[in-house]
Amino acid sequence: MTEASPAVDAIRSVIADLAAIPDPADRARAVGTVLDAVPDLQAGLRAARQAAVIELRATQTLAEVADILGISVPRVSQIASGVSRSSRK
């Protein structure tokens, strides 16, 4: 899923704001702080996605959810079960 969305646009806006910090030391510290927060942010995003998929699964089949999200049926099952791409490696 590569199309732009308001959420992705908001993240790109934050990145642009960070890149626009005039002082390079301040900019480096600010970017470092955000990078340090990424694992927790990813966990929160995965949890939000899992909850949404579980909610969809309450009224839709795996195949219907896969079609709605544009992903495979096995991936829907994995997301609903809490399996992330990083944990599959």
C-alpha atoms as a PDB file:
ATOM      1  CA  MET A   1       0.000   0.000   0.000  1.00  0.00           C
ATOM      2  CA  THR A   2       1.964   2.950  -1.303  1.00  0.00           C
ATOM      3  CA  GLU A   3      -0.725   5.545  -1.949  1.00  0.00           C
ATOM      4  CA  ALA A   4      -0.626   8.690   0.117  1.00  0.00           C
ATOM      5  CA  SER A   5      -2.976   9.019   3.050  1.00  0.00           C
ATOM      6  CA  PRO A   6      -3.634  11.782   5.566  1.00  0.00           C
ATOM      7  CA  ALA A   7      -1.712   9.773   8.192  1.00  0.00           C
ATOM      8  CA  VAL A   8       1.329   9.355   5.942  1.00  0.00           C
ATOM      9  CA  ASP A   9       1.125  13.019   4.962  1.00  0.00           C
ATOM     10  CA  ALA A  10       1.126  13.973   8.659  1.00  0.00           C
ATOM     11  CA  ILE A  11       4.259  11.897   9.287  1.00  0.00           C
ATOM     12  CA  ARG A  12       5.951  13.450   6.251  1.00  0.00           C
ATOM     13  CA  SER A  13       5.043  16.867   7.633  1.00  0.00           C
ATOM     14  CA  VAL A  14       6.746  16.020  10.941  1.00  0.00           C
ATOM     15  CA  ILE A  15       9.844  14.866   9.042  1.00  0.00           C
ATOM     16  CA  ALA A  16       9.857  18.127   7.074  1.00  0.00           C
ATOM     17  CA  ASP A  17       9.501  20.095  10.326  1.00  0.00           C
ATOM     18  CA  LEU A  18      12.462  18.222  11.796  1.00  0.00           C
ATOM     19  CA  ALA A  19      14.540  18.804   8.658  1.00  0.00           C
ATOM     20  CA  ALA A  20      13.746  22.522   8.870  1.00  0.00           C
ATOM     21  CA  ILE A  21      15.257  22.982  12.347  1.00  0.00           C
ATOM     22  CA  PRO A  22      17.945  25.565  11.615  1.00  0.00           C
ATOM     23  CA  ASP A  23      20.612  24.521  14.107  1.00  0.00           C
ATOM     24  CA  PRO A  24      22.204  21.218  13.000  1.00  0.00           C
ATOM     25  CA  ALA A  25      22.884  20.109  16.581  1.00  0.00           C
ATOM     26  CA  ASP A  26      19.286  20.788  17.611  1.00  0.00           C
ATOM     27  CA  ARG A  27      18.097  19.073  14.431  1.00  0.00           C
ATOM     28  CA  ALA A  28      20.256  15.998  15.093  1.00  0.00           C
ATOM     29  CA  ARG A  29      19.025  15.762  18.703  1.00  0.00           C
ATOM     30  CA  ALA A  30      15.388  16.142  17.660  1.00  0.00           C
ATOM     31  CA  VAL A  31      15.674  13.510  14.937  1.00  0.00           C
ATOM     32  CA  GLY A  32      17.502  11.197  17.342  1.00  0.00           C
ATOM     33  CA  THR A  33      14.694  11.549  19.878  1.00  0.00           C
ATOM     34  CA  VAL A  34      12.137  10.598  17.244  1.00  0.00           C
ATOM     35  CA  LEU A  35      14.238   7.668  16.021  1.00  0.00           C
ATOM     36  CA  ASP A  36      14.545   6.408  19.596  1.00  0.00           C
ATOM     37  CA  ALA A  37      10.743   6.464  19.866  1.00  0.00           C
ATOM     38  CA  VAL A  38      10.158   4.523  16.631  1.00  0.00           C
ATOM     39  CA  PRO A  39      10.006   1.014  18.176  1.00  0.00           C
ATOM     40  CA  ASP A  40       7.282   2.080  20.624  1.00  0.00           C
ATOM     41  CA  LEU A  41       5.454   3.933  17.871  1.00  0.00           C
ATOM     42  CA  GLN A  42       5.582   0.861  15.633  1.00  0.00           C
ATOM     43  CA  ALA A  43       4.193  -1.296  18.432  1.00  0.00           C
ATOM     44  CA  GLY A  44       1.315   1.134  18.860  1.00  0.00           C
ATOM     45  CA  LEU A  45       0.639   1.160  15.130  1.00  0.00           C
ATOM     46  CA  ARG A  46       0.672  -2.653  14.993  1.00  0.00           C
ATOM     47  CA  ALA A  47      -1.769  -2.820  17.909  1.00  0.00           C
ATOM     48  CA  ALA A  48      -4.116  -0.315  16.240  1.00  0.00           C
ATOM     49  CA  ARG A  49      -3.992  -2.274  12.975  1.00  0.00           C
ATOM     50  CA  GLN A  50      -4.607  -5.571  14.786  1.00  0.00           C
ATOM     51  CA  ALA A  51      -7.632  -4.104  16.583  1.00  0.00           C
ATOM     52  CA  ALA A  52      -9.044  -2.809  13.279  1.00  0.00           C
ATOM     53  CA  VAL A  53      -8.568  -6.185  11.577  1.00  0.00           C
ATOM     54  CA  ILE A  54     -10.192  -7.997  14.507  1.00  0.00           C
ATOM     55  CA  GLU A  55     -13.092  -5.554  14.304  1.00  0.00           C
ATOM     56  CA  LEU A  56     -13.454  -6.223  10.567  1.00  0.00           C
ATOM     57  CA  ARG A  57     -13.252  -9.974  11.184  1.00  0.00           C
ATOM     58  CA  ALA A  58     -16.259  -9.756  13.505  1.00  0.00           C
ATOM     59  CA  THR A  59     -18.496  -9.150  10.469  1.00  0.00           C
ATOM     60  CA  GLN A  60     -16.395 -10.201   7.464  1.00  0.00           C
ATOM     61  CA  THR A  61     -14.645 -13.350   6.259  1.00  0.00           C
ATOM     62  CA  LEU A  62     -10.871 -13.536   5.978  1.00  0.00           C
ATOM     63  CA  ALA A  63     -11.210 -13.251   2.206  1.00  0.00           C
ATOM     64  CA  GLU A  64     -13.446 -10.196   2.464  1.00  0.00           C
ATOM     65  CA  VAL A  65     -11.062  -8.462   4.855  1.00  0.00           C
ATOM     66  CA  ALA A  66      -8.115  -9.338   2.595  1.00  0.00           C
ATOM     67  CA  ASP A  67      -9.946  -7.812  -0.365  1.00  0.00           C
ATOM     68  CA  ILE A  68     -10.876  -4.677   1.588  1.00  0.00           C
ATOM     69  CA  LEU A  69      -7.283  -4.154   2.767  1.00  0.00           C
ATOM     70  CA  GLY A  70      -5.575  -5.284  -0.431  1.00  0.00           C
ATOM     71  CA  ILE A  71      -3.506  -7.956   1.320  1.00  0.00           C
ATOM     72  CA  SER A  72      -3.465 -11.743   1.294  1.00  0.00           C
ATOM     73  CA  VAL A  73      -5.749 -13.950   3.364  1.00  0.00           C
ATOM     74  CA  PRO A  74      -2.781 -15.412   5.288  1.00  0.00           C
ATOM     75  CA  ARG A  75      -1.565 -11.888   6.091  1.00  0.00           C
ATOM     76  CA  VAL A  76      -5.003 -10.956   7.485  1.00  0.00           C
ATOM     77  CA  SER A  77      -4.825 -14.024   9.707  1.00  0.00           C
ATOM     78  CA  GLN A  78      -1.306 -13.117  10.828  1.00  0.00           C
ATOM     79  CA  ILE A  79      -2.265  -9.535  11.663  1.00  0.00           C
ATOM     80  CA  ALA A  80      -5.321 -10.672  13.611  1.00  0.00           C
ATOM     81  CA  SER A  81      -3.079 -13.077  15.531  1.00  0.00           C
ATOM     82  CA  GLY A  82      -0.516 -10.369  16.283  1.00  0.00           C
ATOM     83  CA  VAL A  83       2.209 -11.660  13.965  1.00  0.00           C
ATOM     84  CA  SER A  84       4.272  -8.785  12.573  1.00  0.00           C
ATOM     85  CA  ARG A  85       6.652  -8.864   9.641  1.00  0.00           C
ATOM     86  CA  SER A  86       9.602  -8.373  11.978  1.00  0.00           C
ATOM     87  CA  SER A  87       8.582 -11.318  14.159  1.00  0.00           C
ATOM     88  CA  ARG A  88       8.344 -13.637  11.133  1.00  0.00           C
ATOM     89  CA  LYS A  89      12.070 -13.327  10.344  1.00  0.00           C
END
